[in-house]
């Protein structure tokens, strides 16, 4: 009995000493030729378009019945971001979710592919929701739909007149 109590006390002290929480995700060096701008395929969340300007990144993602926006900040090979998602449900009523997450930018040494490895969390948590990975498409330029934050139709003019019809098609497919 006494041995069990000591073991329990040691286990509690060990857990308190290690913080008992989620380890902090820290930045490393960005791989040569790496940049978060691009079009990615995510097995979890469909097509993602990310645009990096300095240390700031904005983006959008869309799959069958969900679409969302990402915005965050880059430090080295790490992008920490906030996400906001609308999910189409029965009767065309969208539900909105918000959270945080991170992507680590990796170049696969065996294939040379540029890959995002990360995780998402709900609310203020940046982990705990599940994996979020992406594989960068070669030779594709990212585009943002520029929809309003309410998810309604955008009445503004497109900056690129050459692809107006394509952009409106993409916007129609989001919900």
Protein backbone atom coordinates (compact mmCIF):
# COMPACT_ATOMS: atom_id res chain seq x y z
CA UNK A 1 0.00 0.00 0.00
CA UNK A 2 2.77 2.39 0.95
CA UNK A 3 4.60 1.57 -2.29
CA UNK A 4 1.44 2.36 -4.32
CA UNK A 5 1.09 5.76 -2.63
CA UNK A 6 4.74 6.65 -3.36
CA UNK A 7 4.32 5.61 -6.98
CA UNK A 8 1.16 7.73 -7.25
CA UNK A 9 2.90 10.76 -5.73
CA UNK A 10 5.87 10.34 -8.09
CA UNK A 11 3.57 10.05 -11.09
CA UNK A 12 1.70 13.24 -10.10
CA UNK A 13 4.98 15.12 -9.55
CA UNK A 14 6.31 13.91 -12.91
CA UNK A 15 3.14 15.08 -14.70
CA UNK A 16 3.25 18.47 -12.97
CA UNK A 17 6.95 18.82 -13.79
CA UNK A 18 6.40 18.13 -17.48
CA UNK A 19 3.64 20.73 -17.64
CA UNK A 20 0.85 18.22 -18.13
CA UNK A 21 -0.28 20.18 -21.19
CA UNK A 22 0.35 20.09 -24.89
CA UNK A 23 3.95 20.76 -25.93
CA UNK A 24 4.48 24.09 -27.68
CA UNK A 25 5.05 23.85 -31.43
CA UNK A 26 8.30 25.70 -32.23
CA UNK A 27 9.60 26.97 -35.55
CA UNK A 28 12.60 25.53 -37.36
CA UNK A 29 14.39 26.73 -40.49
CA UNK A 30 12.41 27.07 -43.72
CA UNK A 31 13.66 24.50 -46.26
CA UNK A 32 15.49 25.86 -49.29
CA UNK A 33 12.96 26.98 -51.92
CA UNK A 34 10.10 26.83 -49.40
CA UNK A 35 7.24 29.32 -49.35
CA UNK A 36 3.69 28.83 -48.08
CA UNK A 37 2.15 30.40 -51.20
CA UNK A 38 0.59 27.74 -53.37
CA UNK A 39 -2.28 25.43 -54.17
CA UNK A 40 -2.41 22.37 -51.92
CA UNK A 41 -4.48 19.22 -51.81
CA UNK A 42 -5.49 18.26 -48.30
CA UNK A 43 -6.84 14.74 -47.73
CA UNK A 44 -8.81 16.16 -44.81
CA UNK A 45 -10.09 19.47 -46.26
CA UNK A 46 -9.87 19.46 -50.06
CA UNK A 47 -8.22 22.17 -52.11
CA UNK A 48 -6.38 24.91 -50.22
CA UNK A 49 -5.12 28.17 -51.73
CA UNK A 50 -2.55 29.98 -49.58
CA UNK A 51 -0.87 33.31 -50.32
CA UNK A 52 2.16 34.46 -48.32
CA UNK A 53 3.13 38.14 -48.21
CA UNK A 54 6.13 38.64 -45.95
CA UNK A 55 5.29 36.84 -42.70
CA UNK A 56 1.52 37.04 -43.27
CA UNK A 57 -0.49 34.25 -44.91
CA UNK A 58 -4.14 34.27 -45.99
CA UNK A 59 -5.96 31.40 -47.59
CA UNK A 60 -9.10 29.48 -48.34
CA UNK A 61 -10.02 25.83 -48.50
CA UNK A 62 -13.02 23.98 -49.87
CA UNK A 63 -14.28 20.43 -50.18
CA UNK A 64 -17.70 18.88 -50.83
CA UNK A 65 -19.78 20.54 -48.13
CA UNK A 66 -17.37 22.83 -46.31
CA UNK A 67 -15.37 25.94 -47.00
CA UNK A 68 -13.17 28.05 -44.83
CA UNK A 69 -10.65 30.82 -44.48
CA UNK A 70 -7.20 30.79 -42.93
CA UNK A 71 -5.05 33.68 -41.78
CA UNK A 72 -1.84 33.50 -39.87
CA UNK A 73 1.79 34.34 -39.39
CA UNK A 74 4.95 32.58 -40.50
CA UNK A 75 8.07 32.08 -38.44
CA UNK A 76 10.69 29.93 -40.19
CA UNK A 77 9.03 26.69 -41.36
CA UNK A 78 5.99 27.19 -39.13
CA UNK A 79 2.66 28.83 -39.96
CA UNK A 80 0.39 29.39 -36.96
CA UNK A 81 -3.09 30.35 -38.07
CA UNK A 82 -6.72 30.98 -37.21
CA UNK A 83 -9.39 29.26 -39.26
CA UNK A 84 -13.07 29.97 -39.77
CA UNK A 85 -15.26 27.37 -41.50
CA UNK A 86 -18.78 27.14 -42.87
CA UNK A 87 -20.25 23.71 -43.33
CA UNK A 88 -23.39 23.16 -45.40
CA UNK A 89 -25.95 21.11 -43.53
CA UNK A 90 -29.48 19.89 -44.17
CA UNK A 91 -31.85 22.59 -45.51
CA UNK A 92 -28.88 24.69 -46.70
CA UNK A 93 -28.24 26.04 -43.20
CA UNK A 94 -24.55 26.61 -42.74
CA UNK A 95 -22.88 25.99 -39.42
CA UNK A 96 -19.81 27.97 -38.50
CA UNK A 97 -16.76 26.71 -36.59
CA UNK A 98 -13.61 28.55 -35.54
CA UNK A 99 -10.25 27.58 -34.20
CA UNK A 100 -6.50 27.68 -34.52
CA UNK A 101 -3.87 25.41 -35.99
CA UNK A 102 -0.40 25.14 -37.41
CA UNK A 103 1.38 23.89 -40.51
CA UNK A 104 5.03 22.90 -40.69
CA UNK A 105 6.54 23.28 -44.18
CA UNK A 106 8.54 20.20 -45.19
CA UNK A 107 10.35 19.13 -48.35
CA UNK A 108 10.19 15.34 -48.65
CA UNK A 109 13.83 14.24 -49.16
CA UNK A 110 12.88 11.13 -51.15
CA UNK A 111 10.52 12.81 -53.66
CA UNK A 112 11.28 16.53 -53.41
CA UNK A 113 7.56 17.18 -52.82
CA UNK A 114 6.62 20.22 -50.76
CA UNK A 115 4.27 19.20 -47.94
CA UNK A 116 2.39 20.82 -45.07
CA UNK A 117 2.11 18.75 -41.87
CA UNK A 118 -0.08 20.17 -39.16
CA UNK A 119 -2.96 19.97 -36.81
CA UNK A 120 -6.07 21.97 -35.93
CA UNK A 121 -7.92 22.72 -32.73
CA UNK A 122 -11.25 24.29 -31.78
CA UNK A 123 -11.53 27.71 -30.19
CA UNK A 124 -8.25 28.93 -28.75
CA UNK A 125 -6.56 25.51 -29.02
CA UNK A 126 -4.22 24.95 -31.96
CA UNK A 127 -4.08 21.17 -31.48
CA UNK A 128 -6.37 18.35 -30.48
CA UNK A 129 -8.88 18.42 -33.34
CA UNK A 130 -7.01 16.20 -35.74
CA UNK A 131 -4.38 16.20 -38.47
CA UNK A 132 -4.36 18.75 -41.27
CA UNK A 133 -1.90 18.03 -44.05
CA UNK A 134 -1.44 19.34 -47.59
CA UNK A 135 0.53 18.44 -50.69
CA UNK A 136 1.65 21.36 -52.87
CA UNK A 137 0.67 21.25 -56.54
CA UNK A 138 3.49 22.05 -58.93
CA UNK A 139 2.98 24.98 -61.31
CA UNK A 140 -0.38 26.20 -59.93
CA UNK A 141 -0.94 29.76 -58.76
CA UNK A 142 -3.23 30.27 -55.75
CA UNK A 143 -6.45 32.29 -56.13
CA UNK A 144 -8.78 33.57 -53.45
CA UNK A 145 -12.50 33.96 -54.13
CA UNK A 146 -12.74 37.20 -52.11
CA UNK A 147 -16.17 36.35 -50.69
CA UNK A 148 -17.43 38.44 -47.82
CA UNK A 149 -16.90 37.06 -44.32
CA UNK A 150 -20.63 36.36 -44.02
CA UNK A 151 -20.37 33.77 -46.80
CA UNK A 152 -22.89 35.67 -48.93
CA UNK A 153 -22.44 36.53 -52.56
CA UNK A 154 -19.72 39.03 -53.28
CA UNK A 155 -20.81 42.12 -55.17
CA UNK A 156 -17.30 43.50 -55.66
CA UNK A 157 -15.44 43.49 -58.93
CA UNK A 158 -12.76 40.88 -59.48
CA UNK A 159 -9.19 42.15 -59.69
CA UNK A 160 -8.46 39.72 -62.54
CA UNK A 161 -10.97 40.27 -65.38
CA UNK A 162 -9.56 37.37 -67.40
CA UNK A 163 -11.00 34.72 -65.07
CA UNK A 164 -14.34 36.22 -63.98
CA UNK A 165 -16.36 33.27 -65.24
CA UNK A 166 -14.05 30.73 -63.58
CA UNK A 167 -14.12 32.61 -60.27
CA UNK A 168 -17.90 32.75 -60.21
CA UNK A 169 -18.08 29.01 -60.88
CA UNK A 170 -15.68 28.32 -58.02
CA UNK A 171 -17.70 30.55 -55.69
CA UNK A 172 -20.92 28.72 -56.61
CA UNK A 173 -19.37 25.37 -55.72
CA UNK A 174 -18.42 26.36 -52.16
CA UNK A 175 -21.83 25.85 -50.53
